[in-house]
Amino acid sequence: CKVKKTAPDESGRTKNDVRRQTETAKTISDMIAWLERGDRRAFLSAWTTNVSRRLRESDVTARQLELKCQMAFAIFPLKNGKSPHSPEFGESSQKFKEYLNRRGSSLNDLEGITTYLAFPYIPDPRTCPDFKAFFSPTWDAELKVRMETFLKAALKPSEKPRLYHLCLSGGGGSSK
């Protein structure tokens, strides 16, 4: 085996394992911060870079979270004092509509999708009873918790097979 050897610690983790875990934790922290700040571009760039396309398209939880994050970005200007007639809200609403047009058919099986589909056509979502939940602090908090939980699972470095650790340690078995 030609594997660069790094000594594992007591728990069997190498420096590379620790470095990967640290990088993953930073990625998750950054993504949650971008979600909180309404930084759509940074969040979505990290989302598409770090969460595999297969998972984003096939996993119901990933699709639900992506939809909810898109909604969070769409309403961000309204939650931060902008008018429904402001250019900022117009732009965020348009981006949400583009997202729905691009991903619409893959979202049809998600619970509550009709509310999301109606969003771009509601002049002031803050006054519509169907959108009241999106403007509550608990909706934001739940979204962040669900996203963090999902990212911890989705970005978790895979366990290395036993053969890898045997090669790393120089074999450890008998040779014939």
N, C-alpha and C. Protein backbone atom coordinates (compact mmCIF):
# COMPACT_ATOMS: atom_id res chain seq x y z
N CYS A 1 0.83 -1.18 0.00
CA CYS A 1 0.00 0.00 0.00
C CYS A 1 0.87 1.24 0.00
N LYS A 2 0.55 2.17 -0.86
CA LYS A 2 1.25 3.45 -0.90
C LYS A 2 0.30 4.52 -0.41
N VAL A 3 0.22 4.69 0.88
CA VAL A 3 -0.65 5.69 1.50
C VAL A 3 0.23 6.57 2.36
N LYS A 4 0.05 7.88 2.24
CA LYS A 4 0.80 8.79 3.10
C LYS A 4 0.41 8.52 4.54
N LYS A 5 1.42 8.22 5.35
CA LYS A 5 1.15 7.83 6.73
C LYS A 5 1.06 9.05 7.63
N THR A 6 -0.02 9.11 8.37
CA THR A 6 -0.15 10.07 9.46
C THR A 6 -0.64 9.28 10.66
N ALA A 7 -0.02 9.51 11.77
CA ALA A 7 -0.32 8.72 12.96
C ALA A 7 -1.70 9.07 13.50
N PRO A 8 -2.53 8.05 13.73
CA PRO A 8 -3.83 8.31 14.35
C PRO A 8 -3.66 8.62 15.83
N ASP A 9 -4.61 9.39 16.39
CA ASP A 9 -4.61 9.64 17.83
C ASP A 9 -5.28 8.47 18.54
N GLU A 10 -5.57 8.65 19.83
CA GLU A 10 -6.15 7.57 20.62
C GLU A 10 -7.48 7.09 20.07
N SER A 11 -8.23 7.99 19.44
CA SER A 11 -9.54 7.61 18.91
C SER A 11 -9.45 7.04 17.50
N GLY A 12 -8.25 6.96 16.96
CA GLY A 12 -8.07 6.41 15.62
C GLY A 12 -8.17 7.46 14.52
N ARG A 13 -8.26 8.74 14.90
CA ARG A 13 -8.37 9.81 13.90
C ARG A 13 -6.99 10.34 13.57
N THR A 14 -6.77 10.61 12.30
CA THR A 14 -5.51 11.20 11.87
C THR A 14 -5.64 12.72 11.85
N LYS A 15 -4.53 13.40 11.65
CA LYS A 15 -4.56 14.86 11.53
C LYS A 15 -5.44 15.28 10.36
N ASN A 16 -5.42 14.51 9.29
CA ASN A 16 -6.27 14.82 8.13
C ASN A 16 -7.75 14.69 8.49
N ASP A 17 -8.09 13.68 9.29
CA ASP A 17 -9.47 13.51 9.74
C ASP A 17 -9.92 14.72 10.56
N VAL A 18 -9.06 15.14 11.47
CA VAL A 18 -9.37 16.29 12.32
C VAL A 18 -9.51 17.55 11.47
N ARG A 19 -8.61 17.72 10.50
CA ARG A 19 -8.65 18.89 9.61
C ARG A 19 -9.96 18.89 8.82
N ARG A 20 -10.36 17.73 8.29
CA ARG A 20 -11.62 17.63 7.54
C ARG A 20 -12.82 17.96 8.42
N GLN A 21 -12.81 17.47 9.64
CA GLN A 21 -13.91 17.75 10.57
C GLN A 21 -13.98 19.24 10.89
N THR A 22 -12.83 19.86 11.06
CA THR A 22 -12.78 21.30 11.33
C THR A 22 -13.30 22.09 10.14
N GLU A 23 -12.88 21.69 8.93
CA GLU A 23 -13.35 22.37 7.72
C GLU A 23 -14.86 22.20 7.54
N THR A 24 -15.36 21.01 7.83
CA THR A 24 -16.80 20.75 7.72
C THR A 24 -17.57 21.61 8.72
N ALA A 25 -17.09 21.69 9.94
CA ALA A 25 -17.76 22.51 10.96
C ALA A 25 -17.77 23.98 10.53
N LYS A 26 -16.67 24.45 9.93
CA LYS A 26 -16.61 25.84 9.47
C LYS A 26 -17.58 26.06 8.32
N THR A 27 -17.65 25.12 7.40
CA THR A 27 -18.58 25.24 6.28
C THR A 27 -20.01 25.35 6.80
N ILE A 28 -20.37 24.49 7.74
CA ILE A 28 -21.73 24.52 8.30
C ILE A 28 -21.98 25.85 8.99
N SER A 29 -21.04 26.28 9.79
CA SER A 29 -21.18 27.56 10.49
C SER A 29 -21.34 28.72 9.51
N ASP A 30 -20.53 28.73 8.46
CA ASP A 30 -20.62 29.78 7.44
C ASP A 30 -21.98 29.75 6.75
N MET A 31 -22.44 28.55 6.40
CA MET A 31 -23.72 28.45 5.69
C MET A 31 -24.88 28.94 6.55
N ILE A 32 -24.87 28.61 7.83
CA ILE A 32 -25.92 29.08 8.73
C ILE A 32 -25.84 30.61 8.85
N ALA A 33 -24.64 31.15 8.95
CA ALA A 33 -24.47 32.61 9.05
C ALA A 33 -24.99 33.29 7.78
N TRP A 34 -24.70 32.72 6.61
CA TRP A 34 -25.17 33.30 5.35
C TRP A 34 -26.69 33.25 5.26
N LEU A 35 -27.26 32.18 5.77
CA LEU A 35 -28.72 32.06 5.80
C LEU A 35 -29.31 33.15 6.69
N GLU A 36 -28.72 33.34 7.86
CA GLU A 36 -29.20 34.37 8.80
C GLU A 36 -29.07 35.78 8.22
N ARG A 37 -28.00 36.02 7.47
CA ARG A 37 -27.75 37.35 6.91
C ARG A 37 -28.46 37.58 5.58
N GLY A 38 -29.08 36.54 5.05
CA GLY A 38 -29.76 36.68 3.77
C GLY A 38 -28.82 36.72 2.58
N ASP A 39 -27.63 36.15 2.74
CA ASP A 39 -26.64 36.14 1.65
C ASP A 39 -26.89 34.94 0.75
N ARG A 40 -27.85 35.12 -0.14
CA ARG A 40 -28.29 34.05 -1.04
C ARG A 40 -27.13 33.49 -1.87
N ARG A 41 -26.36 34.37 -2.47
CA ARG A 41 -25.29 33.93 -3.38
C ARG A 41 -24.27 33.04 -2.65
N ALA A 42 -23.78 33.49 -1.50
CA ALA A 42 -22.78 32.71 -0.76
C ALA A 42 -23.37 31.38 -0.29
N PHE A 43 -24.58 31.43 0.25
CA PHE A 43 -25.21 30.20 0.75
C PHE A 43 -25.40 29.19 -0.38
N LEU A 44 -26.00 29.63 -1.48
CA LEU A 44 -26.30 28.69 -2.57
C LEU A 44 -25.03 28.17 -3.23
N SER A 45 -24.00 28.98 -3.27
CA SER A 45 -22.73 28.51 -3.81
C SER A 45 -22.19 27.38 -2.93
N ALA A 46 -22.22 27.58 -1.62
CA ALA A 46 -21.75 26.54 -0.70
C ALA A 46 -22.66 25.31 -0.76
N TRP A 47 -23.96 25.53 -0.89
CA TRP A 47 -24.93 24.44 -0.97
C TRP A 47 -24.62 23.55 -2.18
N THR A 48 -24.44 24.15 -3.34
CA THR A 48 -24.19 23.35 -4.55
C THR A 48 -22.79 22.75 -4.56
N THR A 49 -21.85 23.39 -3.88
CA THR A 49 -20.49 22.86 -3.82
C THR A 49 -20.37 21.70 -2.85
N ASN A 50 -21.05 21.79 -1.72
CA ASN A 50 -20.85 20.82 -0.64
C ASN A 50 -21.89 19.71 -0.54
N VAL A 51 -23.06 19.93 -1.09
CA VAL A 51 -24.10 18.90 -1.05
C VAL A 51 -24.21 18.34 -2.46
N SER A 52 -24.01 17.07 -2.59
CA SER A 52 -23.98 16.46 -3.93
C SER A 52 -25.28 16.69 -4.69
N ARG A 53 -25.16 16.79 -5.98
CA ARG A 53 -26.34 16.99 -6.83
C ARG A 53 -27.33 15.84 -6.65
N ARG A 54 -26.81 14.63 -6.56
CA ARG A 54 -27.67 13.46 -6.37
C ARG A 54 -28.50 13.61 -5.11
N LEU A 55 -27.86 14.04 -4.03
CA LEU A 55 -28.58 14.21 -2.77
C LEU A 55 -29.59 15.36 -2.87
N ARG A 56 -29.18 16.47 -3.46
CA ARG A 56 -30.08 17.62 -3.61
C ARG A 56 -31.31 17.29 -4.43
N GLU A 57 -31.17 16.39 -5.38
CA GLU A 57 -32.30 16.06 -6.26
C GLU A 57 -33.13 14.88 -5.77
N SER A 58 -32.53 13.96 -5.03
CA SER A 58 -33.26 12.75 -4.67
C SER A 58 -33.77 12.73 -3.23
N ASP A 59 -33.11 13.44 -2.35
CA ASP A 59 -33.47 13.40 -0.93
C ASP A 59 -34.58 14.41 -0.64
N VAL A 60 -35.69 13.92 -0.09
CA VAL A 60 -36.85 14.79 0.20
C VAL A 60 -36.46 15.89 1.18
N THR A 61 -35.70 15.55 2.21
CA THR A 61 -35.30 16.56 3.19
C THR A 61 -34.46 17.64 2.54
N ALA A 62 -33.53 17.25 1.68
CA ALA A 62 -32.68 18.25 0.99
C ALA A 62 -33.53 19.17 0.13
N ARG A 63 -34.50 18.61 -0.59
CA ARG A 63 -35.36 19.43 -1.44
C ARG A 63 -36.25 20.36 -0.61
N GLN A 64 -36.77 19.86 0.52
CA GLN A 64 -37.58 20.71 1.40
C GLN A 64 -36.75 21.84 1.98
N LEU A 65 -35.55 21.53 2.41
CA LEU A 65 -34.70 22.56 3.00
C LEU A 65 -34.28 23.60 1.95
N GLU A 66 -33.97 23.14 0.77
CA GLU A 66 -33.61 24.09 -0.29
C GLU A 66 -34.78 25.03 -0.59
N LEU A 67 -35.97 24.48 -0.67
CA LEU A 67 -37.16 25.30 -0.91
C LEU A 67 -37.37 26.30 0.22
N LYS A 68 -37.23 25.86 1.45
CA LYS A 68 -37.43 26.76 2.59
C LYS A 68 -36.35 27.83 2.65
N CYS A 69 -35.13 27.47 2.30
CA CYS A 69 -34.06 28.48 2.26
C CYS A 69 -34.34 29.49 1.16
N GLN A 70 -34.80 29.02 0.02
CA GLN A 70 -35.15 29.94 -1.06
C GLN A 70 -36.26 30.90 -0.59
N MET A 71 -37.23 30.38 0.16
CA MET A 71 -38.29 31.23 0.70
C MET A 71 -37.70 32.24 1.69
N ALA A 72 -36.80 31.77 2.55
CA ALA A 72 -36.18 32.66 3.53
C ALA A 72 -35.46 33.82 2.83
N PHE A 73 -34.78 33.52 1.73
CA PHE A 73 -34.10 34.58 0.98
C PHE A 73 -35.11 35.51 0.30
N ALA A 74 -36.22 34.94 -0.15
CA ALA A 74 -37.25 35.75 -0.83
C ALA A 74 -37.88 36.76 0.12
N ILE A 75 -38.14 36.35 1.35
CA ILE A 75 -38.81 37.25 2.29
C ILE A 75 -37.84 38.07 3.13
N PHE A 76 -36.56 37.81 3.00
CA PHE A 76 -35.56 38.50 3.81
C PHE A 76 -35.72 40.03 3.77
N PRO A 77 -35.90 40.65 2.61
CA PRO A 77 -36.08 42.11 2.62
C PRO A 77 -37.28 42.57 3.45
N LEU A 78 -38.39 41.84 3.36
CA LEU A 78 -39.58 42.21 4.12
C LEU A 78 -39.35 42.08 5.62
N LYS A 79 -38.61 41.05 6.01
CA LYS A 79 -38.35 40.83 7.43
C LYS A 79 -37.35 41.84 7.98
N ASN A 80 -36.71 42.58 7.09
CA ASN A 80 -35.72 43.56 7.50
C ASN A 80 -36.13 44.98 7.13
N GLY A 81 -37.45 45.20 7.17
CA GLY A 81 -37.97 46.56 7.06
C GLY A 81 -38.22 47.11 5.67
N LYS A 82 -37.98 46.33 4.65
CA LYS A 82 -38.22 46.81 3.29
C LYS A 82 -39.70 46.68 2.94
N SER A 83 -40.14 47.54 2.08
CA SER A 83 -41.53 47.54 1.61
C SER A 83 -41.72 46.46 0.56
N PRO A 84 -42.96 45.96 0.41
CA PRO A 84 -43.22 45.00 -0.66
C PRO A 84 -43.07 45.64 -2.04
N HIS A 85 -42.96 46.95 -2.08
CA HIS A 85 -42.77 47.67 -3.35
C HIS A 85 -41.31 48.05 -3.58
N SER A 86 -40.43 47.65 -2.67
CA SER A 86 -39.02 48.00 -2.78
C SER A 86 -38.33 47.18 -3.87
N PRO A 87 -37.28 47.75 -4.46
CA PRO A 87 -36.51 46.99 -5.46
C PRO A 87 -35.90 45.72 -4.88
N GLU A 88 -35.49 45.77 -3.60
CA GLU A 88 -34.88 44.60 -2.97
C GLU A 88 -35.86 43.43 -2.90
N PHE A 89 -37.10 43.74 -2.50
CA PHE A 89 -38.09 42.66 -2.43
C PHE A 89 -38.47 42.20 -3.84
N GLY A 90 -38.58 43.13 -4.77
CA GLY A 90 -38.88 42.75 -6.15
C GLY A 90 -37.84 41.79 -6.71
N GLU A 91 -36.58 42.08 -6.43
CA GLU A 91 -35.49 41.22 -6.91
C GLU A 91 -35.52 39.85 -6.22
N SER A 92 -35.71 39.84 -4.91
CA SER A 92 -35.72 38.56 -4.19
C SER A 92 -36.93 37.71 -4.60
N SER A 93 -38.06 38.37 -4.81
CA SER A 93 -39.26 37.66 -5.24
C SER A 93 -39.06 37.08 -6.65
N GLN A 94 -38.42 37.84 -7.51
CA GLN A 94 -38.14 37.38 -8.88
C GLN A 94 -37.20 36.17 -8.86
N LYS A 95 -36.18 36.21 -8.02
CA LYS A 95 -35.25 35.07 -7.92
C LYS A 95 -35.96 33.83 -7.41
N PHE A 96 -36.90 34.02 -6.48
CA PHE A 96 -37.67 32.88 -5.98
C PHE A 96 -38.54 32.31 -7.10
N LYS A 97 -39.15 33.18 -7.88
CA LYS A 97 -39.99 32.74 -9.00
C LYS A 97 -39.14 31.97 -10.02
N GLU A 98 -37.94 32.45 -10.30
CA GLU A 98 -37.04 31.75 -11.22
C GLU A 98 -36.66 30.37 -10.68
N TYR A 99 -36.41 30.31 -9.37
CA TYR A 99 -36.12 29.03 -8.73
C TYR A 99 -37.29 28.06 -8.92
N LEU A 100 -38.50 28.54 -8.66
CA LEU A 100 -39.69 27.68 -8.81
C LEU A 100 -39.85 27.22 -10.26
N ASN A 101 -39.61 28.11 -11.21
CA ASN A 101 -39.74 27.74 -12.61
C ASN A 101 -38.69 26.70 -13.00
N ARG A 102 -37.49 26.82 -12.44
CA ARG A 102 -36.39 25.90 -12.76
C ARG A 102 -36.59 24.55 -12.08
N ARG A 103 -37.04 24.56 -10.84
CA ARG A 103 -37.12 23.32 -10.06
C ARG A 103 -38.53 22.83 -9.82
N GLY A 104 -39.52 23.53 -10.31
CA GLY A 104 -40.92 23.26 -10.01
C GLY A 104 -41.35 21.82 -10.07
N SER A 105 -41.06 21.13 -11.18
CA SER A 105 -41.55 19.76 -11.32
C SER A 105 -40.93 18.82 -10.29
N SER A 106 -39.72 19.11 -9.84
CA SER A 106 -39.09 18.24 -8.84
C SER A 106 -39.58 18.54 -7.43
N LEU A 107 -40.40 19.58 -7.29
CA LEU A 107 -40.90 19.96 -5.97
C LEU A 107 -42.36 19.55 -5.75
N ASN A 108 -43.00 19.06 -6.78
CA ASN A 108 -44.44 18.78 -6.73
C ASN A 108 -44.87 17.85 -5.59
N ASP A 109 -43.99 16.96 -5.17
CA ASP A 109 -44.37 16.01 -4.12
C ASP A 109 -44.11 16.53 -2.71
N LEU A 110 -43.63 17.75 -2.58
CA LEU A 110 -43.34 18.30 -1.26
C LEU A 110 -44.61 18.84 -0.60
N GLU A 111 -44.68 18.62 0.70
CA GLU A 111 -45.83 19.09 1.47
C GLU A 111 -45.89 20.62 1.46
N GLY A 112 -47.09 21.14 1.22
CA GLY A 112 -47.30 22.59 1.26
C GLY A 112 -46.78 23.35 0.05
N ILE A 113 -46.47 22.65 -1.03
CA ILE A 113 -45.86 23.31 -2.19
C ILE A 113 -46.76 24.39 -2.79
N THR A 114 -48.07 24.23 -2.72
CA THR A 114 -48.95 25.23 -3.34
C THR A 114 -48.79 26.61 -2.71
N THR A 115 -48.54 26.66 -1.42
CA THR A 115 -48.30 27.94 -0.77
C THR A 115 -47.06 28.61 -1.35
N TYR A 116 -46.01 27.84 -1.53
CA TYR A 116 -44.77 28.38 -2.10
C TYR A 116 -44.98 28.84 -3.54
N LEU A 117 -45.74 28.05 -4.30
CA LEU A 117 -45.98 28.40 -5.70
C LEU A 117 -46.78 29.69 -5.83
N ALA A 118 -47.63 29.98 -4.85
CA ALA A 118 -48.44 31.19 -4.89
C ALA A 118 -47.65 32.44 -4.51
N PHE A 119 -46.57 32.26 -3.77
CA PHE A 119 -45.83 33.40 -3.22
C PHE A 119 -45.53 34.54 -4.21
N PRO A 120 -44.98 34.26 -5.39
CA PRO A 120 -44.63 35.37 -6.28
C PRO A 120 -45.82 36.21 -6.74
N TYR A 121 -47.02 35.72 -6.54
CA TYR A 121 -48.22 36.42 -7.03
C TYR A 121 -48.98 37.15 -5.92
N ILE A 122 -48.45 37.12 -4.71
CA ILE A 122 -49.08 37.79 -3.57
C ILE A 122 -48.41 39.16 -3.41
N PRO A 123 -49.18 40.26 -3.53
CA PRO A 123 -48.57 41.60 -3.46
C PRO A 123 -47.84 41.88 -2.15
N ASP A 124 -48.41 41.48 -1.03
CA ASP A 124 -47.76 41.69 0.26
C ASP A 124 -47.93 40.44 1.11
N PRO A 125 -46.97 39.52 1.05
CA PRO A 125 -47.09 38.25 1.78
C PRO A 125 -47.25 38.41 3.28
N ARG A 126 -46.81 39.53 3.84
CA ARG A 126 -46.93 39.75 5.28
C ARG A 126 -48.38 39.80 5.73
N THR A 127 -49.28 40.18 4.82
CA THR A 127 -50.69 40.32 5.19
C THR A 127 -51.53 39.11 4.83
N CYS A 128 -50.94 38.13 4.20
CA CYS A 128 -51.66 36.93 3.78
C CYS A 128 -51.56 35.86 4.87
N PRO A 129 -52.70 35.35 5.34
CA PRO A 129 -52.67 34.34 6.41
C PRO A 129 -51.84 33.09 6.07
N ASP A 130 -51.80 32.71 4.79
CA ASP A 130 -51.04 31.53 4.39
C ASP A 130 -49.54 31.70 4.59
N PHE A 131 -49.08 32.94 4.68
CA PHE A 131 -47.64 33.20 4.80
C PHE A 131 -47.22 33.67 6.19
N LYS A 132 -48.18 33.74 7.10
CA LYS A 132 -47.91 34.24 8.45
C LYS A 132 -46.77 33.48 9.12
N ALA A 133 -46.76 32.16 8.99
CA ALA A 133 -45.74 31.33 9.65
C ALA A 133 -44.33 31.69 9.19
N PHE A 134 -44.16 32.06 7.92
CA PHE A 134 -42.84 32.39 7.39
C PHE A 134 -42.23 33.62 8.06
N PHE A 135 -43.06 34.44 8.65
CA PHE A 135 -42.58 35.68 9.25
C PHE A 135 -42.38 35.57 10.76
N SER A 136 -42.56 34.38 11.30
CA SER A 136 -42.39 34.20 12.74
C SER A 136 -40.93 33.84 13.05
N PRO A 137 -40.44 34.28 14.20
CA PRO A 137 -39.07 33.93 14.60
C PRO A 137 -38.88 32.43 14.75
N THR A 138 -39.94 31.71 15.11
CA THR A 138 -39.79 30.26 15.28
C THR A 138 -39.54 29.57 13.94
N TRP A 139 -40.10 30.09 12.85
CA TRP A 139 -39.86 29.49 11.53
C TRP A 139 -38.38 29.60 11.19
N ASP A 140 -37.80 30.78 11.42
CA ASP A 140 -36.37 30.97 11.16
C ASP A 140 -35.52 30.03 12.01
N ALA A 141 -35.84 29.97 13.30
CA ALA A 141 -35.07 29.13 14.22
C ALA A 141 -35.15 27.65 13.82
N GLU A 142 -36.35 27.19 13.49
CA GLU A 142 -36.52 25.79 13.08
C GLU A 142 -35.77 25.50 11.79
N LEU A 143 -35.80 26.44 10.85
CA LEU A 143 -35.07 26.25 9.59
C LEU A 143 -33.58 26.11 9.85
N LYS A 144 -33.03 26.96 10.69
CA LYS A 144 -31.59 26.90 10.99
C LYS A 144 -31.23 25.57 11.65
N VAL A 145 -32.04 25.13 12.60
CA VAL A 145 -31.77 23.86 13.28
C VAL A 145 -31.84 22.69 12.30
N ARG A 146 -32.88 22.68 11.49
CA ARG A 146 -33.03 21.58 10.51
C ARG A 146 -31.89 21.59 9.50
N MET A 147 -31.49 22.80 9.05
CA MET A 147 -30.40 22.90 8.08
C MET A 147 -29.09 22.43 8.71
N GLU A 148 -28.82 22.85 9.92
CA GLU A 148 -27.58 22.44 10.58
C GLU A 148 -27.55 20.92 10.78
N THR A 149 -28.65 20.34 11.22
CA THR A 149 -28.73 18.89 11.41
C THR A 149 -28.50 18.16 10.09
N PHE A 150 -29.15 18.65 9.03
CA PHE A 150 -28.99 18.03 7.72
C PHE A 150 -27.54 18.13 7.24
N LEU A 151 -26.96 19.31 7.36
CA LEU A 151 -25.58 19.50 6.89
C LEU A 151 -24.59 18.64 7.67
N LYS A 152 -24.80 18.50 8.97
CA LYS A 152 -23.90 17.65 9.76
C LYS A 152 -23.92 16.21 9.24
N ALA A 153 -25.09 15.74 8.84
CA ALA A 153 -25.19 14.38 8.30
C ALA A 153 -24.67 14.31 6.87
N ALA A 154 -25.04 15.29 6.05
CA ALA A 154 -24.68 15.26 4.63
C ALA A 154 -23.20 15.51 4.38
N LEU A 155 -22.58 16.31 5.23
CA LEU A 155 -21.18 16.67 5.01
C LEU A 155 -20.22 15.86 5.87
N LYS A 156 -20.78 14.92 6.64
CA LYS A 156 -19.95 14.10 7.51
C LYS A 156 -18.96 13.30 6.67
N PRO A 157 -17.67 13.42 6.99
CA PRO A 157 -16.70 12.62 6.23
C PRO A 157 -17.01 11.14 6.41
N SER A 158 -16.91 10.40 5.33
CA SER A 158 -17.21 8.97 5.42
C SER A 158 -16.12 8.25 6.20
N GLU A 159 -16.54 7.22 6.88
CA GLU A 159 -15.59 6.40 7.62
C GLU A 159 -14.70 5.67 6.62
N LYS A 160 -13.44 5.59 6.96
CA LYS A 160 -12.50 4.89 6.09
C LYS A 160 -12.59 3.39 6.36
N PRO A 161 -12.47 2.59 5.31
CA PRO A 161 -12.52 1.15 5.51
C PRO A 161 -11.33 0.66 6.34
N ARG A 162 -11.49 -0.49 6.95
CA ARG A 162 -10.43 -1.07 7.79
C ARG A 162 -9.13 -1.25 7.01
N LEU A 163 -9.23 -1.59 5.73
CA LEU A 163 -8.04 -1.77 4.89
C LEU A 163 -7.19 -0.50 4.86
N TYR A 164 -7.85 0.65 4.80
CA TYR A 164 -7.13 1.92 4.79
C TYR A 164 -6.28 2.04 6.06
N HIS A 165 -6.89 1.76 7.21
CA HIS A 165 -6.17 1.87 8.48
C HIS A 165 -5.05 0.83 8.58
N LEU A 166 -5.26 -0.34 8.02
CA LEU A 166 -4.21 -1.36 8.01
C LEU A 166 -3.02 -0.88 7.17
N CYS A 167 -3.29 -0.32 6.01
CA CYS A 167 -2.21 0.20 5.17
C CYS A 167 -1.51 1.35 5.86
N LEU A 168 -2.26 2.18 6.52
CA LEU A 168 -1.71 3.34 7.21
C LEU A 168 -0.77 2.90 8.33
N SER A 169 -1.11 1.84 9.02
CA SER A 169 -0.31 1.40 10.14
C SER A 169 0.81 0.45 9.72
N GLY A 170 0.91 0.17 8.44
CA GLY A 170 1.98 -0.70 7.96
C GLY A 170 1.59 -2.16 7.91
N GLY A 171 0.34 -2.46 7.96
CA GLY A 171 -0.11 -3.83 7.80
C GLY A 171 -0.69 -4.39 9.07
N GLY A 172 0.11 -4.79 9.98
CA GLY A 172 -0.39 -5.31 11.25
C GLY A 172 -0.84 -6.75 11.17
N GLY A 173 -0.87 -7.32 10.00
CA GLY A 173 -1.32 -8.71 9.88
C GLY A 173 -0.17 -9.59 9.46
N SER A 174 -0.41 -10.88 9.39
CA SER A 174 0.64 -11.80 8.95
C SER A 174 0.67 -11.87 7.44
N SER A 175 1.84 -12.07 6.87
CA SER A 175 1.96 -12.21 5.43
C SER A 175 2.37 -13.63 5.09
N LYS A 176 1.87 -14.13 3.99
CA LYS A 176 2.17 -15.50 3.60
C LYS A 176 2.95 -15.50 2.34
